[in-house]
Amino acid sequence: MYTRVSLRLRADGYLVDFDTYQWQLVSRVTRSFLDGLTDSAYVRLLLGEAKDEVLSLLDRFEPVGPVEHVRAELSPHELHVLHAMLTRACLGVKSEEAFYRRYGFFVENVRDLAFGIENALTLP
């Protein structure tokens, strides 16, 4: 479920679709990770963008159609920021239990979604 990500190439970026579970994961992990971080230089080093920019990226996803999923058009850089957020969250794991308590997801779900983004980029 987490490994199947829909990315469609556009002229200047990608149309990204997440299903309900993927979106909950992306939103919760991103917001929880950024909560309490105030050093903009640190966030920019980790993710390539400032905290406010990362949060505004989440706000661009909109619900689509009768099936519950969200969609946004992202530049290659913005997709990289999203991927960096997921992989950075996985790197900070001290224990599976601590990760689950912080984010509400298992680390393998977050890792699978990051791999799903990578895999979607390699599909024709």
PDB file of N, CA and C in Angstrom:
ATOM      1  N   MET A   1       0.817  -1.186   0.000  1.00  0.00           N
ATOM      2  CA  MET A   1       0.000   0.000   0.000  1.00  0.00           C
ATOM      3  C   MET A   1       0.868   1.259   0.000  1.00  0.00           C
ATOM      4  N   TYR A   2       1.905   1.293   0.817  1.00  0.00           N
ATOM      5  CA  TYR A   2       2.733   2.488   0.884  1.00  0.00           C
ATOM      6  C   TYR A   2       3.713   2.585  -0.272  1.00  0.00           C
ATOM      7  N   THR A   3       4.014   1.466  -0.907  1.00  0.00           N
ATOM      8  CA  THR A   3       5.025   1.487  -1.960  1.00  0.00           C
ATOM      9  C   THR A   3       4.477   1.923  -3.312  1.00  0.00           C
ATOM     10  N   ARG A   4       3.172   1.956  -3.495  1.00  0.00           N
ATOM     11  CA  ARG A   4       2.601   2.376  -4.776  1.00  0.00           C
ATOM     12  C   ARG A   4       2.242   3.855  -4.733  1.00  0.00           C
ATOM     13  N   VAL A   5       3.056   4.650  -5.363  1.00  0.00           N
ATOM     14  CA  VAL A   5       2.854   6.094  -5.410  1.00  0.00           C
ATOM     15  C   VAL A   5       2.591   6.482  -6.860  1.00  0.00           C
ATOM     16  N   SER A   6       1.647   7.371  -7.061  1.00  0.00           N
ATOM     17  CA  SER A   6       1.326   7.831  -8.405  1.00  0.00           C
ATOM     18  C   SER A   6       2.020   9.162  -8.672  1.00  0.00           C
ATOM     19  N   LEU A   7       2.983   9.130  -9.599  1.00  0.00           N
ATOM     20  CA  LEU A   7       3.665  10.343 -10.064  1.00  0.00           C
ATOM     21  C   LEU A   7       3.501  10.416 -11.566  1.00  0.00           C
ATOM     22  N   ARG A   8       3.062  11.549 -12.039  1.00  0.00           N
ATOM     23  CA  ARG A   8       2.975  11.750 -13.492  1.00  0.00           C
ATOM     24  C   ARG A   8       3.828  12.950 -13.859  1.00  0.00           C
ATOM     25  N   LEU A   9       4.677  12.739 -14.839  1.00  0.00           N
ATOM     26  CA  LEU A   9       5.572  13.788 -15.298  1.00  0.00           C
ATOM     27  C   LEU A   9       4.779  14.912 -15.960  1.00  0.00           C
ATOM     28  N   ARG A  10       5.087  16.127 -15.583  1.00  0.00           N
ATOM     29  CA  ARG A  10       4.513  17.323 -16.197  1.00  0.00           C
ATOM     30  C   ARG A  10       5.665  18.114 -16.814  1.00  0.00           C
ATOM     31  N   ALA A  11       5.337  19.154 -17.529  1.00  0.00           N
ATOM     32  CA  ALA A  11       6.362  19.941 -18.211  1.00  0.00           C
ATOM     33  C   ALA A  11       7.439  20.464 -17.252  1.00  0.00           C
ATOM     34  N   ASP A  12       7.017  20.931 -16.079  1.00  0.00           N
ATOM     35  CA  ASP A  12       7.988  21.498 -15.146  1.00  0.00           C
ATOM     36  C   ASP A  12       7.980  20.818 -13.778  1.00  0.00           C
ATOM     37  N   GLY A  13       7.524  19.581 -13.729  1.00  0.00           N
ATOM     38  CA  GLY A  13       7.520  18.879 -12.453  1.00  0.00           C
ATOM     39  C   GLY A  13       6.714  17.607 -12.501  1.00  0.00           C
ATOM     40  N   TYR A  14       6.030  17.311 -11.400  1.00  0.00           N
ATOM     41  CA  TYR A  14       5.294  16.062 -11.246  1.00  0.00           C
ATOM     42  C   TYR A  14       3.928  16.318 -10.644  1.00  0.00           C
ATOM     43  N   LEU A  15       2.955  15.562 -11.109  1.00  0.00           N
ATOM     44  CA  LEU A  15       1.654  15.525 -10.476  1.00  0.00           C
ATOM     45  C   LEU A  15       1.704  14.347  -9.508  1.00  0.00           C
ATOM     46  N   VAL A  16       1.566  14.629  -8.228  1.00  0.00           N
ATOM     47  CA  VAL A  16       1.725  13.624  -7.172  1.00  0.00           C
ATOM     48  C   VAL A  16       0.364  13.322  -6.562  1.00  0.00           C
ATOM     49  N   ASP A  17       0.008  12.037  -6.519  1.00  0.00           N
ATOM     50  CA  ASP A  17      -1.216  11.584  -5.874  1.00  0.00           C
ATOM     51  C   ASP A  17      -0.855  10.674  -4.705  1.00  0.00           C
ATOM     52  N   PHE A  18      -1.438  10.944  -3.547  1.00  0.00           N
ATOM     53  CA  PHE A  18      -1.303  10.069  -2.389  1.00  0.00           C
ATOM     54  C   PHE A  18      -2.691   9.579  -1.990  1.00  0.00           C
ATOM     55  N   ASP A  19      -2.795   8.291  -1.641  1.00  0.00           N
ATOM     56  CA  ASP A  19      -4.061   7.818  -1.107  1.00  0.00           C
ATOM     57  C   ASP A  19      -4.177   8.289   0.343  1.00  0.00           C
ATOM     58  N   THR A  20      -5.304   7.986   0.965  1.00  0.00           N
ATOM     59  CA  THR A  20      -5.577   8.473   2.321  1.00  0.00           C
ATOM     60  C   THR A  20      -4.489   8.101   3.318  1.00  0.00           C
ATOM     61  N   TYR A  21      -4.056   6.852   3.305  1.00  0.00           N
ATOM     62  CA  TYR A  21      -3.058   6.387   4.275  1.00  0.00           C
ATOM     63  C   TYR A  21      -1.702   7.028   4.015  1.00  0.00           C
ATOM     64  N   GLN A  22      -1.325   7.127   2.745  1.00  0.00           N
ATOM     65  CA  GLN A  22      -0.059   7.768   2.405  1.00  0.00           C
ATOM     66  C   GLN A  22      -0.072   9.233   2.830  1.00  0.00           C
ATOM     67  N   TRP A  23      -1.185   9.908   2.583  1.00  0.00           N
ATOM     68  CA  TRP A  23      -1.292  11.319   2.935  1.00  0.00           C
ATOM     69  C   TRP A  23      -1.236  11.508   4.445  1.00  0.00           C
ATOM     70  N   GLN A  24      -1.928  10.663   5.197  1.00  0.00           N
ATOM     71  CA  GLN A  24      -1.866  10.757   6.658  1.00  0.00           C
ATOM     72  C   GLN A  24      -0.431  10.590   7.139  1.00  0.00           C
ATOM     73  N   LEU A  25       0.273   9.647   6.541  1.00  0.00           N
ATOM     74  CA  LEU A  25       1.667   9.407   6.919  1.00  0.00           C
ATOM     75  C   LEU A  25       2.523  10.635   6.603  1.00  0.00           C
ATOM     76  N   VAL A  26       2.455  11.134   5.381  1.00  0.00           N
ATOM     77  CA  VAL A  26       3.267  12.290   4.981  1.00  0.00           C
ATOM     78  C   VAL A  26       2.965  13.494   5.867  1.00  0.00           C
ATOM     79  N   SER A  27       1.704  13.784   6.050  1.00  0.00           N
ATOM     80  CA  SER A  27       1.301  14.945   6.826  1.00  0.00           C
ATOM     81  C   SER A  27       1.727  14.829   8.290  1.00  0.00           C
ATOM     82  N   ARG A  28       1.440  13.694   8.910  1.00  0.00           N
ATOM     83  CA  ARG A  28       1.756  13.521  10.336  1.00  0.00           C
ATOM     84  C   ARG A  28       3.257  13.490  10.587  1.00  0.00           C
ATOM     85  N   VAL A  29       3.988  12.767   9.761  1.00  0.00           N
ATOM     86  CA  VAL A  29       5.438  12.679   9.956  1.00  0.00           C
ATOM     87  C   VAL A  29       6.081  14.045   9.755  1.00  0.00           C
ATOM     88  N   THR A  30       5.675  14.753   8.724  1.00  0.00           N
ATOM     89  CA  THR A  30       6.263  16.067   8.454  1.00  0.00           C
ATOM     90  C   THR A  30       5.968  17.049   9.574  1.00  0.00           C
ATOM     91  N   ARG A  31       4.708  17.145   9.961  1.00  0.00           N
ATOM     92  CA  ARG A  31       4.343  18.095  11.006  1.00  0.00           C
ATOM     93  C   ARG A  31       4.974  17.730  12.357  1.00  0.00           C
ATOM     94  N   SER A  32       5.009  16.449  12.686  1.00  0.00           N
ATOM     95  CA  SER A  32       5.614  16.026  13.950  1.00  0.00           C
ATOM     96  C   SER A  32       7.119  16.253  13.956  1.00  0.00           C
ATOM     97  N   PHE A  33       7.758  15.965  12.828  1.00  0.00           N
ATOM     98  CA  PHE A  33       9.205  16.166  12.747  1.00  0.00           C
ATOM     99  C   PHE A  33       9.558  17.642  12.909  1.00  0.00           C
ATOM    100  N   LEU A  34       8.800  18.510  12.265  1.00  0.00           N
ATOM    101  CA  LEU A  34       9.102  19.941  12.295  1.00  0.00           C
ATOM    102  C   LEU A  34       8.660  20.627  13.577  1.00  0.00           C
ATOM    103  N   ASP A  35       7.746  20.011  14.314  1.00  0.00           N
ATOM    104  CA  ASP A  35       7.242  20.604  15.546  1.00  0.00           C
ATOM    105  C   ASP A  35       8.399  20.839  16.523  1.00  0.00           C
ATOM    106  N   GLY A  36       8.532  22.061  16.947  1.00  0.00           N
ATOM    107  CA  GLY A  36       9.565  22.388  17.916  1.00  0.00           C
ATOM    108  C   GLY A  36      10.902  22.788  17.309  1.00  0.00           C
ATOM    109  N   LEU A  37      11.106  22.529  16.027  1.00  0.00           N
ATOM    110  CA  LEU A  37      12.357  22.964  15.391  1.00  0.00           C
ATOM    111  C   LEU A  37      12.246  24.448  15.060  1.00  0.00           C
ATOM    112  N   THR A  38      13.169  25.235  15.599  1.00  0.00           N
ATOM    113  CA  THR A  38      13.122  26.675  15.363  1.00  0.00           C
ATOM    114  C   THR A  38      14.320  27.176  14.569  1.00  0.00           C
ATOM    115  N   ASP A  39      15.359  26.376  14.453  1.00  0.00           N
ATOM    116  CA  ASP A  39      16.556  26.788  13.734  1.00  0.00           C
ATOM    117  C   ASP A  39      16.363  26.558  12.237  1.00  0.00           C
ATOM    118  N   SER A  40      16.073  27.642  11.525  1.00  0.00           N
ATOM    119  CA  SER A  40      15.783  27.546  10.100  1.00  0.00           C
ATOM    120  C   SER A  40      16.967  27.008   9.305  1.00  0.00           C
ATOM    121  N   ALA A  41      18.189  27.354   9.709  1.00  0.00           N
ATOM    122  CA  ALA A  41      19.381  26.869   9.004  1.00  0.00           C
ATOM    123  C   ALA A  41      19.484  25.349   9.129  1.00  0.00           C
ATOM    124  N   TYR A  42      19.139  24.815  10.290  1.00  0.00           N
ATOM    125  CA  TYR A  42      19.180  23.369  10.508  1.00  0.00           C
ATOM    126  C   TYR A  42      18.152  22.651   9.624  1.00  0.00           C
ATOM    127  N   VAL A  43      16.937  23.174   9.603  1.00  0.00           N
ATOM    128  CA  VAL A  43      15.893  22.574   8.774  1.00  0.00           C
ATOM    129  C   VAL A  43      16.278  22.662   7.301  1.00  0.00           C
ATOM    130  N   ARG A  44      16.815  23.795   6.876  1.00  0.00           N
ATOM    131  CA  ARG A  44      17.234  23.966   5.482  1.00  0.00           C
ATOM    132  C   ARG A  44      18.355  22.982   5.134  1.00  0.00           C
ATOM    133  N   LEU A  45      19.259  22.745   6.053  1.00  0.00           N
ATOM    134  CA  LEU A  45      20.338  21.780   5.828  1.00  0.00           C
ATOM    135  C   LEU A  45      19.770  20.373   5.630  1.00  0.00           C
ATOM    136  N   LEU A  46      18.815  19.985   6.467  1.00  0.00           N
ATOM    137  CA  LEU A  46      18.249  18.642   6.393  1.00  0.00           C
ATOM    138  C   LEU A  46      17.345  18.436   5.185  1.00  0.00           C
ATOM    139  N   LEU A  47      16.542  19.446   4.862  1.00  0.00           N
ATOM    140  CA  LEU A  47      15.472  19.258   3.882  1.00  0.00           C
ATOM    141  C   LEU A  47      15.612  20.084   2.609  1.00  0.00           C
ATOM    142  N   GLY A  48      16.485  21.064   2.632  1.00  0.00           N
ATOM    143  CA  GLY A  48      16.652  21.893   1.443  1.00  0.00           C
ATOM    144  C   GLY A  48      15.725  23.089   1.396  1.00  0.00           C
ATOM    145  N   GLU A  49      14.880  23.236   2.383  1.00  0.00           N
ATOM    146  CA  GLU A  49      13.955  24.363   2.482  1.00  0.00           C
ATOM    147  C   GLU A  49      13.748  24.731   3.944  1.00  0.00           C
ATOM    148  N   ALA A  50      13.283  25.948   4.174  1.00  0.00           N
ATOM    149  CA  ALA A  50      12.954  26.392   5.523  1.00  0.00           C
ATOM    150  C   ALA A  50      11.664  25.723   5.993  1.00  0.00           C
ATOM    151  N   LYS A  51      11.477  25.701   7.296  1.00  0.00           N
ATOM    152  CA  LYS A  51      10.311  25.049   7.912  1.00  0.00           C
ATOM    153  C   LYS A  51       8.996  25.545   7.321  1.00  0.00           C
ATOM    154  N   ASP A  52       8.823  26.853   7.200  1.00  0.00           N
ATOM    155  CA  ASP A  52       7.573  27.404   6.680  1.00  0.00           C
ATOM    156  C   ASP A  52       7.314  26.967   5.243  1.00  0.00           C
ATOM    157  N   GLU A  53       8.372  26.854   4.446  1.00  0.00           N
ATOM    158  CA  GLU A  53       8.231  26.408   3.063  1.00  0.00           C
ATOM    159  C   GLU A  53       7.785  24.947   2.991  1.00  0.00           C
ATOM    160  N   VAL A  54       8.320  24.126   3.884  1.00  0.00           N
ATOM    161  CA  VAL A  54       7.939  22.712   3.903  1.00  0.00           C
ATOM    162  C   VAL A  54       6.476  22.581   4.301  1.00  0.00           C
ATOM    163  N   LEU A  55       6.057  23.323   5.311  1.00  0.00           N
ATOM    164  CA  LEU A  55       4.663  23.266   5.749  1.00  0.00           C
ATOM    165  C   LEU A  55       3.720  23.812   4.678  1.00  0.00           C
ATOM    166  N   SER A  56       4.124  24.849   3.956  1.00  0.00           N
ATOM    167  CA  SER A  56       3.254  25.382   2.899  1.00  0.00           C
ATOM    168  C   SER A  56       3.156  24.398   1.737  1.00  0.00           C
ATOM    169  N   LEU A  57       4.169  23.581   1.556  1.00  0.00           N
ATOM    170  CA  LEU A  57       4.124  22.535   0.533  1.00  0.00           C
ATOM    171  C   LEU A  57       2.988  21.554   0.840  1.00  0.00           C
ATOM    172  N   LEU A  58       2.820  21.201   2.115  1.00  0.00           N
ATOM    173  CA  LEU A  58       1.728  20.307   2.506  1.00  0.00           C
ATOM    174  C   LEU A  58       0.369  20.933   2.225  1.00  0.00           C
ATOM    175  N   ASP A  59       0.275  22.239   2.403  1.00  0.00           N
ATOM    176  CA  ASP A  59      -1.002  22.937   2.203  1.00  0.00           C
ATOM    177  C   ASP A  59      -1.451  22.941   0.747  1.00  0.00           C
ATOM    178  N   ARG A  60      -0.549  22.648  -0.175  1.00  0.00           N
ATOM    179  CA  ARG A  60      -0.905  22.650  -1.599  1.00  0.00           C
ATOM    180  C   ARG A  60      -1.614  21.371  -2.038  1.00  0.00           C
ATOM    181  N   PHE A  61      -1.565  20.330  -1.235  1.00  0.00           N
ATOM    182  CA  PHE A  61      -2.271  19.092  -1.589  1.00  0.00           C
ATOM    183  C   PHE A  61      -3.762  19.286  -1.354  1.00  0.00           C
ATOM    184  N   GLU A  62      -4.551  18.886  -2.355  1.00  0.00           N
ATOM    185  CA  GLU A  62      -5.994  19.060  -2.276  1.00  0.00           C
ATOM    186  C   GLU A  62      -6.702  17.734  -2.501  1.00  0.00           C
ATOM    187  N   PRO A  63      -7.853  17.523  -1.820  1.00  0.00           N
ATOM    188  CA  PRO A  63      -8.639  16.301  -2.050  1.00  0.00           C
ATOM    189  C   PRO A  63      -9.123  16.237  -3.498  1.00  0.00           C
ATOM    190  N   VAL A  64      -9.198  15.010  -4.019  1.00  0.00           N
ATOM    191  CA  VAL A  64      -9.609  14.809  -5.413  1.00  0.00           C
ATOM    192  C   VAL A  64     -10.652  13.701  -5.486  1.00  0.00           C
ATOM    193  N   GLY A  65     -11.764  13.979  -6.176  1.00  0.00           N
ATOM    194  CA  GLY A  65     -12.753  12.973  -6.533  1.00  0.00           C
ATOM    195  C   GLY A  65     -13.412  12.263  -5.373  1.00  0.00           C
ATOM    196  N   PRO A  66     -14.253  11.282  -5.731  1.00  0.00           N
ATOM    197  CA  PRO A  66     -14.999  10.530  -4.718  1.00  0.00           C
ATOM    198  C   PRO A  66     -14.112   9.559  -3.928  1.00  0.00           C
ATOM    199  N   VAL A  67     -13.030   9.090  -4.543  1.00  0.00           N
ATOM    200  CA  VAL A  67     -12.098   8.215  -3.831  1.00  0.00           C
ATOM    201  C   VAL A  67     -11.174   9.120  -3.025  1.00  0.00           C
ATOM    202  N   GLU A  68     -10.945   8.742  -1.784  1.00  0.00           N
ATOM    203  CA  GLU A  68     -10.162   9.614  -0.925  1.00  0.00           C
ATOM    204  C   GLU A  68      -8.678   9.565  -1.277  1.00  0.00           C
ATOM    205  N   HIS A  69      -8.229  10.624  -1.943  1.00  0.00           N
ATOM    206  CA  HIS A  69      -6.806  10.828  -2.166  1.00  0.00           C
ATOM    207  C   HIS A  69      -6.575  12.322  -2.372  1.00  0.00           C
ATOM    208  N   VAL A  70      -5.316  12.715  -2.301  1.00  0.00           N
ATOM    209  CA  VAL A  70      -4.957  14.117  -2.463  1.00  0.00           C
ATOM    210  C   VAL A  70      -3.971  14.243  -3.607  1.00  0.00           C
ATOM    211  N   ARG A  71      -3.884  15.447  -4.162  1.00  0.00           N
ATOM    212  CA  ARG A  71      -3.030  15.666  -5.330  1.00  0.00           C
ATOM    213  C   ARG A  71      -2.408  17.059  -5.254  1.00  0.00           C
ATOM    214  N   ALA A  72      -1.171  17.144  -5.740  1.00  0.00           N
ATOM    215  CA  ALA A  72      -0.508  18.442  -5.897  1.00  0.00           C
ATOM    216  C   ALA A  72       0.484  18.343  -7.035  1.00  0.00           C
ATOM    217  N   GLU A  73       0.728  19.467  -7.668  1.00  0.00           N
ATOM    218  CA  GLU A  73       1.768  19.539  -8.686  1.00  0.00           C
ATOM    219  C   GLU A  73       3.021  20.080  -8.000  1.00  0.00           C
ATOM    220  N   LEU A  74       4.112  19.316  -8.087  1.00  0.00           N
ATOM    221  CA  LEU A  74       5.354  19.679  -7.405  1.00  0.00           C
ATOM    222  C   LEU A  74       6.500  19.795  -8.400  1.00  0.00           C
ATOM    223  N   SER A  75       7.390  20.728  -8.133  1.00  0.00           N
ATOM    224  CA  SER A  75       8.613  20.831  -8.921  1.00  0.00           C
ATOM    225  C   SER A  75       9.538  19.684  -8.512  1.00  0.00           C
ATOM    226  N   PRO A  76      10.561  19.394  -9.295  1.00  0.00           N
ATOM    227  CA  PRO A  76      11.523  18.369  -8.873  1.00  0.00           C
ATOM    228  C   PRO A  76      12.131  18.689  -7.500  1.00  0.00           C
ATOM    229  N   HIS A  77      12.423  19.963  -7.248  1.00  0.00           N
ATOM    230  CA  HIS A  77      12.987  20.343  -5.947  1.00  0.00           C
ATOM    231  C   HIS A  77      11.998  20.068  -4.817  1.00  0.00           C
ATOM    232  N   GLU A  78      10.730  20.399  -5.021  1.00  0.00           N
ATOM    233  CA  GLU A  78       9.726  20.169  -3.984  1.00  0.00           C
ATOM    234  C   GLU A  78       9.531  18.681  -3.710  1.00  0.00           C
ATOM    235  N   LEU A  79       9.575  17.871  -4.760  1.00  0.00           N
ATOM    236  CA  LEU A  79       9.484  16.423  -4.572  1.00  0.00           C
ATOM    237  C   LEU A  79      10.694  15.922  -3.790  1.00  0.00           C
ATOM    238  N   HIS A  80      11.840  16.490  -4.079  1.00  0.00           N
ATOM    239  CA  HIS A  80      13.052  16.136  -3.328  1.00  0.00           C
ATOM    240  C   HIS A  80      12.902  16.489  -1.850  1.00  0.00           C
ATOM    241  N   VAL A  81      12.338  17.648  -1.560  1.00  0.00           N
ATOM    242  CA  VAL A  81      12.122  18.067  -0.170  1.00  0.00           C
ATOM    243  C   VAL A  81      11.222  17.068   0.548  1.00  0.00           C
ATOM    244  N   LEU A  82      10.148  16.663  -0.105  1.00  0.00           N
ATOM    245  CA  LEU A  82       9.224  15.688   0.476  1.00  0.00           C
ATOM    246  C   LEU A  82       9.926  14.351   0.736  1.00  0.00           C
ATOM    247  N   HIS A  83      10.695  13.893  -0.226  1.00  0.00           N
ATOM    248  CA  HIS A  83      11.439  12.646  -0.079  1.00  0.00           C
ATOM    249  C   HIS A  83      12.475  12.777   1.041  1.00  0.00           C
ATOM    250  N   ALA A  84      13.163  13.901   1.091  1.00  0.00           N
ATOM    251  CA  ALA A  84      14.160  14.131   2.144  1.00  0.00           C
ATOM    252  C   ALA A  84      13.518  14.101   3.529  1.00  0.00           C
ATOM    253  N   MET A  85      12.294  14.629   3.633  1.00  0.00           N
ATOM    254  CA  MET A  85      11.577  14.631   4.907  1.00  0.00           C
ATOM    255  C   MET A  85      11.343  13.202   5.384  1.00  0.00           C
ATOM    256  N   LEU A  86      10.881  12.348   4.482  1.00  0.00           N
ATOM    257  CA  LEU A  86      10.595  10.962   4.849  1.00  0.00           C
ATOM    258  C   LEU A  86      11.872  10.200   5.212  1.00  0.00           C
ATOM    259  N   THR A  87      12.914  10.365   4.409  1.00  0.00           N
ATOM    260  CA  THR A  87      14.153   9.631   4.688  1.00  0.00           C
ATOM    261  C   THR A  87      14.823  10.150   5.952  1.00  0.00           C
ATOM    262  N   ARG A  88      14.750  11.448   6.207  1.00  0.00           N
ATOM    263  CA  ARG A  88      15.352  12.004   7.428  1.00  0.00           C
ATOM    264  C   ARG A  88      14.632  11.500   8.667  1.00  0.00           C
ATOM    265  N   ALA A  89      13.321  11.380   8.582  1.00  0.00           N
ATOM    266  CA  ALA A  89      12.571  10.852   9.723  1.00  0.00           C
ATOM    267  C   ALA A  89      13.039   9.438  10.048  1.00  0.00           C
ATOM    268  N   CYS A  90      13.298   8.641   9.024  1.00  0.00           N
ATOM    269  CA  CYS A  90      13.767   7.260   9.240  1.00  0.00           C
ATOM    270  C   CYS A  90      15.165   7.217   9.841  1.00  0.00           C
ATOM    271  N   LEU A  91      15.996   8.171   9.473  1.00  0.00           N
ATOM    272  CA  LEU A  91      17.371   8.190   9.993  1.00  0.00           C
ATOM    273  C   LEU A  91      17.428   8.501  11.478  1.00  0.00           C
ATOM    274  N   GLY A  92      16.428   9.199  11.976  1.00  0.00           N
ATOM    275  CA  GLY A  92      16.428   9.599  13.376  1.00  0.00           C
ATOM    276  C   GLY A  92      15.899   8.546  14.332  1.00  0.00           C
ATOM    277  N   VAL A  93      15.749   7.315  13.875  1.00  0.00           N
ATOM    278  CA  VAL A  93      15.149   6.254  14.680  1.00  0.00           C
ATOM    279  C   VAL A  93      16.100   5.798  15.781  1.00  0.00           C
ATOM    280  N   LYS A  94      15.644   5.912  17.015  1.00  0.00           N
ATOM    281  CA  LYS A  94      16.402   5.346  18.136  1.00  0.00           C
ATOM    282  C   LYS A  94      15.844   3.973  18.488  1.00  0.00           C
ATOM    283  N   SER A  95      14.523   3.843  18.342  1.00  0.00           N
ATOM    284  CA  SER A  95      13.866   2.556  18.527  1.00  0.00           C
ATOM    285  C   SER A  95      12.550   2.584  17.766  1.00  0.00           C
ATOM    286  N   GLU A  96      12.085   1.404  17.402  1.00  0.00           N
ATOM    287  CA  GLU A  96      10.810   1.308  16.683  1.00  0.00           C
ATOM    288  C   GLU A  96       9.674   1.857  17.544  1.00  0.00           C
ATOM    289  N   GLU A  97       9.717   1.558  18.825  1.00  0.00           N
ATOM    290  CA  GLU A  97       8.666   2.021  19.726  1.00  0.00           C
ATOM    291  C   GLU A  97       8.651   3.545  19.818  1.00  0.00           C
ATOM    292  N   ALA A  98       9.818   4.165  19.952  1.00  0.00           N
ATOM    293  CA  ALA A  98       9.896   5.623  20.032  1.00  0.00           C
ATOM    294  C   ALA A  98       9.414   6.267  18.734  1.00  0.00           C
ATOM    295  N   PHE A  99       9.770   5.658  17.613  1.00  0.00           N
ATOM    296  CA  PHE A  99       9.336   6.173  16.325  1.00  0.00           C
ATOM    297  C   PHE A  99       7.816   6.121  16.225  1.00  0.00           C
ATOM    298  N   TYR A 100       7.243   4.993  16.606  1.00  0.00           N
ATOM    299  CA  TYR A 100       5.792   4.828  16.533  1.00  0.00           C
ATOM    300  C   TYR A 100       5.078   5.816  17.465  1.00  0.00           C
ATOM    301  N   ARG A 101       5.603   6.006  18.654  1.00  0.00           N
ATOM    302  CA  ARG A 101       4.976   6.946  19.589  1.00  0.00           C
ATOM    303  C   ARG A 101       5.027   8.376  19.063  1.00  0.00           C
ATOM    304  N   ARG A 102       6.110   8.717  18.390  1.00  0.00           N
ATOM    305  CA  ARG A 102       6.246  10.080  17.879  1.00  0.00           C
ATOM    306  C   ARG A 102       5.375  10.329  16.646  1.00  0.00           C
ATOM    307  N   TYR A 103       5.377   9.377  15.713  1.00  0.00           N
ATOM    308  CA  TYR A 103       4.737   9.610  14.422  1.00  0.00           C
ATOM    309  C   TYR A 103       3.413   8.872  14.216  1.00  0.00           C
ATOM    310  N   GLY A 104       3.175   7.805  14.960  1.00  0.00           N
ATOM    311  CA  GLY A 104       1.946   7.044  14.778  1.00  0.00           C
ATOM    312  C   GLY A 104       2.007   6.057  13.629  1.00  0.00           C
ATOM    313  N   PHE A 105       3.197   5.832  13.093  1.00  0.00           N
ATOM    314  CA  PHE A 105       3.425   4.879  12.009  1.00  0.00           C
ATOM    315  C   PHE A 105       4.691   4.100  12.312  1.00  0.00           C
ATOM    316  N   PHE A 106       4.787   2.928  11.737  1.00  0.00           N
ATOM    317  CA  PHE A 106       6.016   2.152  11.869  1.00  0.00           C
ATOM    318  C   PHE A 106       7.047   2.689  10.893  1.00  0.00           C
ATOM    319  N   VAL A 107       8.319   2.590  11.261  1.00  0.00           N
ATOM    320  CA  VAL A 107       9.385   3.125  10.421  1.00  0.00           C
ATOM    321  C   VAL A 107       9.393   2.476   9.036  1.00  0.00           C
ATOM    322  N   GLU A 108       9.028   1.205   8.959  1.00  0.00           N
ATOM    323  CA  GLU A 108       9.037   0.554   7.638  1.00  0.00           C
ATOM    324  C   GLU A 108       7.966   1.141   6.709  1.00  0.00           C
ATOM    325  N   ASN A 109       6.860   1.655   7.266  1.00  0.00           N
ATOM    326  CA  ASN A 109       5.846   2.308   6.429  1.00  0.00           C
ATOM    327  C   ASN A 109       6.382   3.602   5.825  1.00  0.00           C
ATOM    328  N   VAL A 110       7.102   4.353   6.623  1.00  0.00           N
ATOM    329  CA  VAL A 110       7.684   5.608   6.146  1.00  0.00           C
ATOM    330  C   VAL A 110       8.768   5.313   5.112  1.00  0.00           C
ATOM    331  N   ARG A 111       9.592   4.347   5.409  1.00  0.00           N
ATOM    332  CA  ARG A 111      10.649   3.950   4.468  1.00  0.00           C
ATOM    333  C   ARG A 111      10.042   3.430   3.164  1.00  0.00           C
ATOM    334  N   ASP A 112       8.983   2.641   3.260  1.00  0.00           N
ATOM    335  CA  ASP A 112       8.329   2.119   2.053  1.00  0.00           C
ATOM    336  C   ASP A 112       7.768   3.244   1.182  1.00  0.00           C
ATOM    337  N   LEU A 113       7.214   4.268   1.802  1.00  0.00           N
ATOM    338  CA  LEU A 113       6.693   5.379   1.015  1.00  0.00           C
ATOM    339  C   LEU A 113       7.825   6.138   0.323  1.00  0.00           C
ATOM    340  N   ALA A 114       8.933   6.333   1.015  1.00  0.00           N
ATOM    341  CA  ALA A 114      10.090   6.980   0.384  1.00  0.00           C
ATOM    342  C   ALA A 114      10.581   6.155  -0.792  1.00  0.00           C
ATOM    343  N   PHE A 115      10.654   4.832  -0.619  1.00  0.00           N
ATOM    344  CA  PHE A 115      11.049   3.961  -1.732  1.00  0.00           C
ATOM    345  C   PHE A 115       9.991   3.995  -2.841  1.00  0.00           C
ATOM    346  N   GLY A 116       8.734   4.110  -2.480  1.00  0.00           N
ATOM    347  CA  GLY A 116       7.666   4.189  -3.467  1.00  0.00           C
ATOM    348  C   GLY A 116       7.811   5.417  -4.354  1.00  0.00           C
ATOM    349  N   ILE A 117       8.223   6.525  -3.782  1.00  0.00           N
ATOM    350  CA  ILE A 117       8.475   7.731  -4.576  1.00  0.00           C
ATOM    351  C   ILE A 117       9.628   7.476  -5.541  1.00  0.00           C
ATOM    352  N   GLU A 118      10.702   6.881  -5.027  1.00  0.00           N
ATOM    353  CA  GLU A 118      11.848   6.567  -5.885  1.00  0.00           C
ATOM    354  C   GLU A 118      11.444   5.630  -7.017  1.00  0.00           C
ATOM    355  N   ASN A 119      10.703   4.585  -6.696  1.00  0.00           N
ATOM    356  CA  ASN A 119      10.289   3.611  -7.702  1.00  0.00           C
ATOM    357  C   ASN A 119       9.387   4.235  -8.757  1.00  0.00           C
ATOM    358  N   ALA A 120       8.490   5.122  -8.325  1.00  0.00           N
ATOM    359  CA  ALA A 120       7.585   5.773  -9.280  1.00  0.00           C
ATOM    360  C   ALA A 120       8.358   6.632 -10.279  1.00  0.00           C
ATOM    361  N   LEU A 121       9.487   7.165  -9.876  1.00  0.00           N
ATOM    362  CA  LEU A 121      10.297   7.972 -10.786  1.00  0.00           C
ATOM    363  C   LEU A 121      10.963   7.127 -11.865  1.00  0.00           C
ATOM    364  N   THR A 122      11.145   5.844 -11.591  1.00  0.00           N
ATOM    365  CA  THR A 122      11.826   4.973 -12.556  1.00  0.00           C
ATOM    366  C   THR A 122      10.878   4.284 -13.521  1.00  0.00           C
ATOM    367  N   LEU A 123       9.579   4.375 -13.256  1.00  0.00           N
ATOM    368  CA  LEU A 123       8.598   3.737 -14.139  1.00  0.00           C
ATOM    369  C   LEU A 123       8.393   4.567 -15.395  1.00  0.00           C
ATOM    370  N   PRO A 124       8.130   3.890 -16.507  1.00  0.00           N
ATOM    371  CA  PRO A 124       7.907   4.640 -17.759  1.00  0.00           C
ATOM    372  C   PRO A 124       6.596   5.410 -17.734  1.00  0.00           C
TER     373      PRO A 124
END
